[in-house]
Amino acid sequence: MPELTWQKSSYSAEAANCVYVATTSTGTIHLRESDEPEIALSTTRDRMGALIRTLKTNPSIRSA
């Protein structure tokens, strides 16, 4: 895997619990937490969009 350039989410506070995101030239999205940076989730743009839409339209999921 090529070296990824990680960016801290603009929604993460200045505290230690931060979410980082990186993308590849093929469009794969990678997510990781600052607590365990060696563990990363990989997804596609379409699937990430579906997750965000679901969270926005179903507030009860966010509070679970």
N, C-alpha and C. Protein backbone atom coordinates (compact mmCIF):
# COMPACT_ATOMS: atom_id res chain seq x y z
N MET A 1 0.85 -1.17 0.00
CA MET A 1 0.00 0.00 0.00
C MET A 1 0.90 1.23 0.00
N PRO A 2 0.55 2.24 -0.80
CA PRO A 2 1.36 3.47 -0.82
C PRO A 2 1.24 4.21 0.51
N GLU A 3 2.21 5.04 0.79
CA GLU A 3 2.18 5.88 2.00
C GLU A 3 0.97 6.80 1.93
N LEU A 4 0.19 6.84 3.01
CA LEU A 4 -1.00 7.66 3.06
C LEU A 4 -0.72 8.98 3.75
N THR A 5 -1.37 10.03 3.29
CA THR A 5 -1.29 11.33 3.93
C THR A 5 -2.57 11.51 4.74
N TRP A 6 -2.43 11.46 6.06
CA TRP A 6 -3.58 11.52 6.96
C TRP A 6 -3.92 12.96 7.31
N GLN A 7 -5.20 13.25 7.36
CA GLN A 7 -5.69 14.57 7.77
C GLN A 7 -6.64 14.38 8.94
N LYS A 8 -6.52 15.24 9.93
CA LYS A 8 -7.44 15.18 11.06
C LYS A 8 -8.79 15.74 10.65
N SER A 9 -9.84 15.06 11.03
CA SER A 9 -11.19 15.51 10.73
C SER A 9 -11.43 16.89 11.32
N SER A 10 -12.12 17.73 10.58
CA SER A 10 -12.44 19.07 11.08
C SER A 10 -13.44 19.01 12.24
N TYR A 11 -14.08 17.87 12.43
CA TYR A 11 -15.02 17.70 13.54
C TYR A 11 -14.33 17.20 14.80
N SER A 12 -13.07 16.85 14.71
CA SER A 12 -12.34 16.39 15.90
C SER A 12 -11.85 17.58 16.69
N ALA A 13 -12.02 17.50 17.98
CA ALA A 13 -11.54 18.58 18.85
C ALA A 13 -10.02 18.50 18.97
N GLU A 14 -9.45 19.40 19.71
CA GLU A 14 -8.01 19.41 19.92
C GLU A 14 -7.55 18.33 20.89
N ALA A 15 -8.49 17.62 21.48
CA ALA A 15 -8.15 16.56 22.44
C ALA A 15 -7.52 15.37 21.72
N ALA A 16 -7.21 14.35 22.50
CA ALA A 16 -6.52 13.18 21.96
C ALA A 16 -7.41 12.29 21.11
N ASN A 17 -8.72 12.32 21.30
CA ASN A 17 -9.63 11.44 20.56
C ASN A 17 -9.98 12.05 19.21
N CYS A 18 -9.17 11.77 18.21
CA CYS A 18 -9.35 12.37 16.90
C CYS A 18 -9.57 11.29 15.84
N VAL A 19 -10.31 11.65 14.81
CA VAL A 19 -10.49 10.78 13.66
C VAL A 19 -9.66 11.35 12.52
N TYR A 20 -8.94 10.48 11.84
CA TYR A 20 -8.11 10.87 10.70
C TYR A 20 -8.63 10.20 9.44
N VAL A 21 -8.49 10.87 8.32
CA VAL A 21 -8.94 10.34 7.04
C VAL A 21 -7.82 10.50 6.01
N ALA A 22 -7.74 9.53 5.10
CA ALA A 22 -6.78 9.59 3.99
C ALA A 22 -7.46 8.96 2.78
N THR A 23 -7.11 9.43 1.60
CA THR A 23 -7.64 8.84 0.37
C THR A 23 -6.50 8.43 -0.54
N THR A 24 -6.79 7.48 -1.42
CA THR A 24 -5.80 7.05 -2.40
C THR A 24 -6.19 7.56 -3.77
N SER A 25 -5.31 7.41 -4.73
CA SER A 25 -5.59 7.86 -6.09
C SER A 25 -6.72 7.06 -6.73
N THR A 26 -7.01 5.87 -6.21
CA THR A 26 -8.11 5.06 -6.72
C THR A 26 -9.45 5.40 -6.08
N GLY A 27 -9.43 6.29 -5.08
CA GLY A 27 -10.66 6.73 -4.43
C GLY A 27 -10.99 6.00 -3.15
N THR A 28 -10.16 5.07 -2.72
CA THR A 28 -10.39 4.38 -1.46
C THR A 28 -10.23 5.37 -0.31
N ILE A 29 -11.15 5.31 0.64
CA ILE A 29 -11.12 6.18 1.81
C ILE A 29 -10.66 5.34 3.00
N HIS A 30 -9.70 5.86 3.76
CA HIS A 30 -9.20 5.18 4.96
C HIS A 30 -9.49 6.06 6.16
N LEU A 31 -9.96 5.43 7.24
CA LEU A 31 -10.27 6.13 8.48
C LEU A 31 -9.53 5.45 9.62
N ARG A 32 -9.06 6.25 10.58
CA ARG A 32 -8.43 5.69 11.78
C ARG A 32 -8.65 6.64 12.95
N GLU A 33 -8.50 6.10 14.15
CA GLU A 33 -8.59 6.89 15.38
C GLU A 33 -7.19 7.18 15.89
N SER A 34 -7.04 8.28 16.60
CA SER A 34 -5.73 8.61 17.15
C SER A 34 -5.33 7.64 18.25
N ASP A 35 -6.32 7.02 18.93
CA ASP A 35 -6.02 6.08 20.01
C ASP A 35 -5.33 4.81 19.51
N GLU A 36 -5.71 4.34 18.31
CA GLU A 36 -5.13 3.13 17.75
C GLU A 36 -4.83 3.34 16.27
N PRO A 37 -3.81 4.12 15.95
CA PRO A 37 -3.53 4.48 14.55
C PRO A 37 -3.13 3.31 13.66
N GLU A 38 -2.75 2.18 14.27
CA GLU A 38 -2.36 1.03 13.45
C GLU A 38 -3.58 0.29 12.88
N ILE A 39 -4.77 0.60 13.38
CA ILE A 39 -6.00 -0.01 12.89
C ILE A 39 -6.73 1.01 12.01
N ALA A 40 -6.97 0.64 10.76
CA ALA A 40 -7.64 1.55 9.83
C ALA A 40 -8.78 0.84 9.12
N LEU A 41 -9.84 1.58 8.89
CA LEU A 41 -11.00 1.11 8.14
C LEU A 41 -10.86 1.61 6.72
N SER A 42 -11.12 0.76 5.74
CA SER A 42 -11.07 1.16 4.34
C SER A 42 -12.46 1.00 3.74
N THR A 43 -12.85 1.97 2.93
CA THR A 43 -14.17 1.93 2.32
C THR A 43 -14.13 2.67 0.98
N THR A 44 -15.26 2.66 0.30
CA THR A 44 -15.37 3.40 -0.96
C THR A 44 -16.13 4.69 -0.72
N ARG A 45 -16.05 5.57 -1.69
CA ARG A 45 -16.77 6.84 -1.59
C ARG A 45 -18.28 6.61 -1.52
N ASP A 46 -18.79 5.69 -2.31
CA ASP A 46 -20.23 5.41 -2.31
C ASP A 46 -20.70 4.88 -0.96
N ARG A 47 -19.95 3.96 -0.40
CA ARG A 47 -20.35 3.38 0.89
C ARG A 47 -20.23 4.41 2.02
N MET A 48 -19.21 5.25 1.96
CA MET A 48 -19.06 6.29 2.98
C MET A 48 -20.22 7.28 2.87
N GLY A 49 -20.59 7.64 1.65
CA GLY A 49 -21.73 8.53 1.44
C GLY A 49 -23.01 7.94 1.97
N ALA A 50 -23.22 6.63 1.76
CA ALA A 50 -24.42 5.96 2.25
C ALA A 50 -24.45 5.99 3.78
N LEU A 51 -23.31 5.76 4.42
CA LEU A 51 -23.24 5.81 5.88
C LEU A 51 -23.59 7.21 6.39
N ILE A 52 -23.02 8.23 5.79
CA ILE A 52 -23.29 9.60 6.23
C ILE A 52 -24.75 9.95 6.03
N ARG A 53 -25.33 9.58 4.89
CA ARG A 53 -26.76 9.86 4.65
C ARG A 53 -27.63 9.15 5.68
N THR A 54 -27.29 7.91 6.00
CA THR A 54 -28.05 7.15 6.99
C THR A 54 -27.98 7.82 8.36
N LEU A 55 -26.80 8.24 8.75
CA LEU A 55 -26.64 8.90 10.05
C LEU A 55 -27.38 10.22 10.11
N LYS A 56 -27.38 10.96 9.01
CA LYS A 56 -28.08 12.25 8.98
C LYS A 56 -29.60 12.09 9.04
N THR A 57 -30.12 11.03 8.45
CA THR A 57 -31.58 10.88 8.37
C THR A 57 -32.15 10.02 9.51
N ASN A 58 -31.30 9.38 10.30
CA ASN A 58 -31.75 8.54 11.40
C ASN A 58 -31.03 8.92 12.68
N PRO A 59 -31.45 10.00 13.33
CA PRO A 59 -30.76 10.48 14.53
C PRO A 59 -30.66 9.43 15.65
N SER A 60 -31.61 8.50 15.71
CA SER A 60 -31.58 7.50 16.78
C SER A 60 -30.36 6.60 16.66
N ILE A 61 -29.84 6.40 15.46
CA ILE A 61 -28.64 5.58 15.26
C ILE A 61 -27.44 6.24 15.90
N ARG A 62 -27.31 7.54 15.79
CA ARG A 62 -26.17 8.28 16.33
C ARG A 62 -26.08 8.19 17.84
N SER A 63 -27.21 8.06 18.52
CA SER A 63 -27.18 8.05 19.97
C SER A 63 -27.01 6.65 20.55
N ALA A 64 -26.93 5.67 19.69
CA ALA A 64 -26.78 4.27 20.17
C ALA A 64 -25.39 4.01 20.68
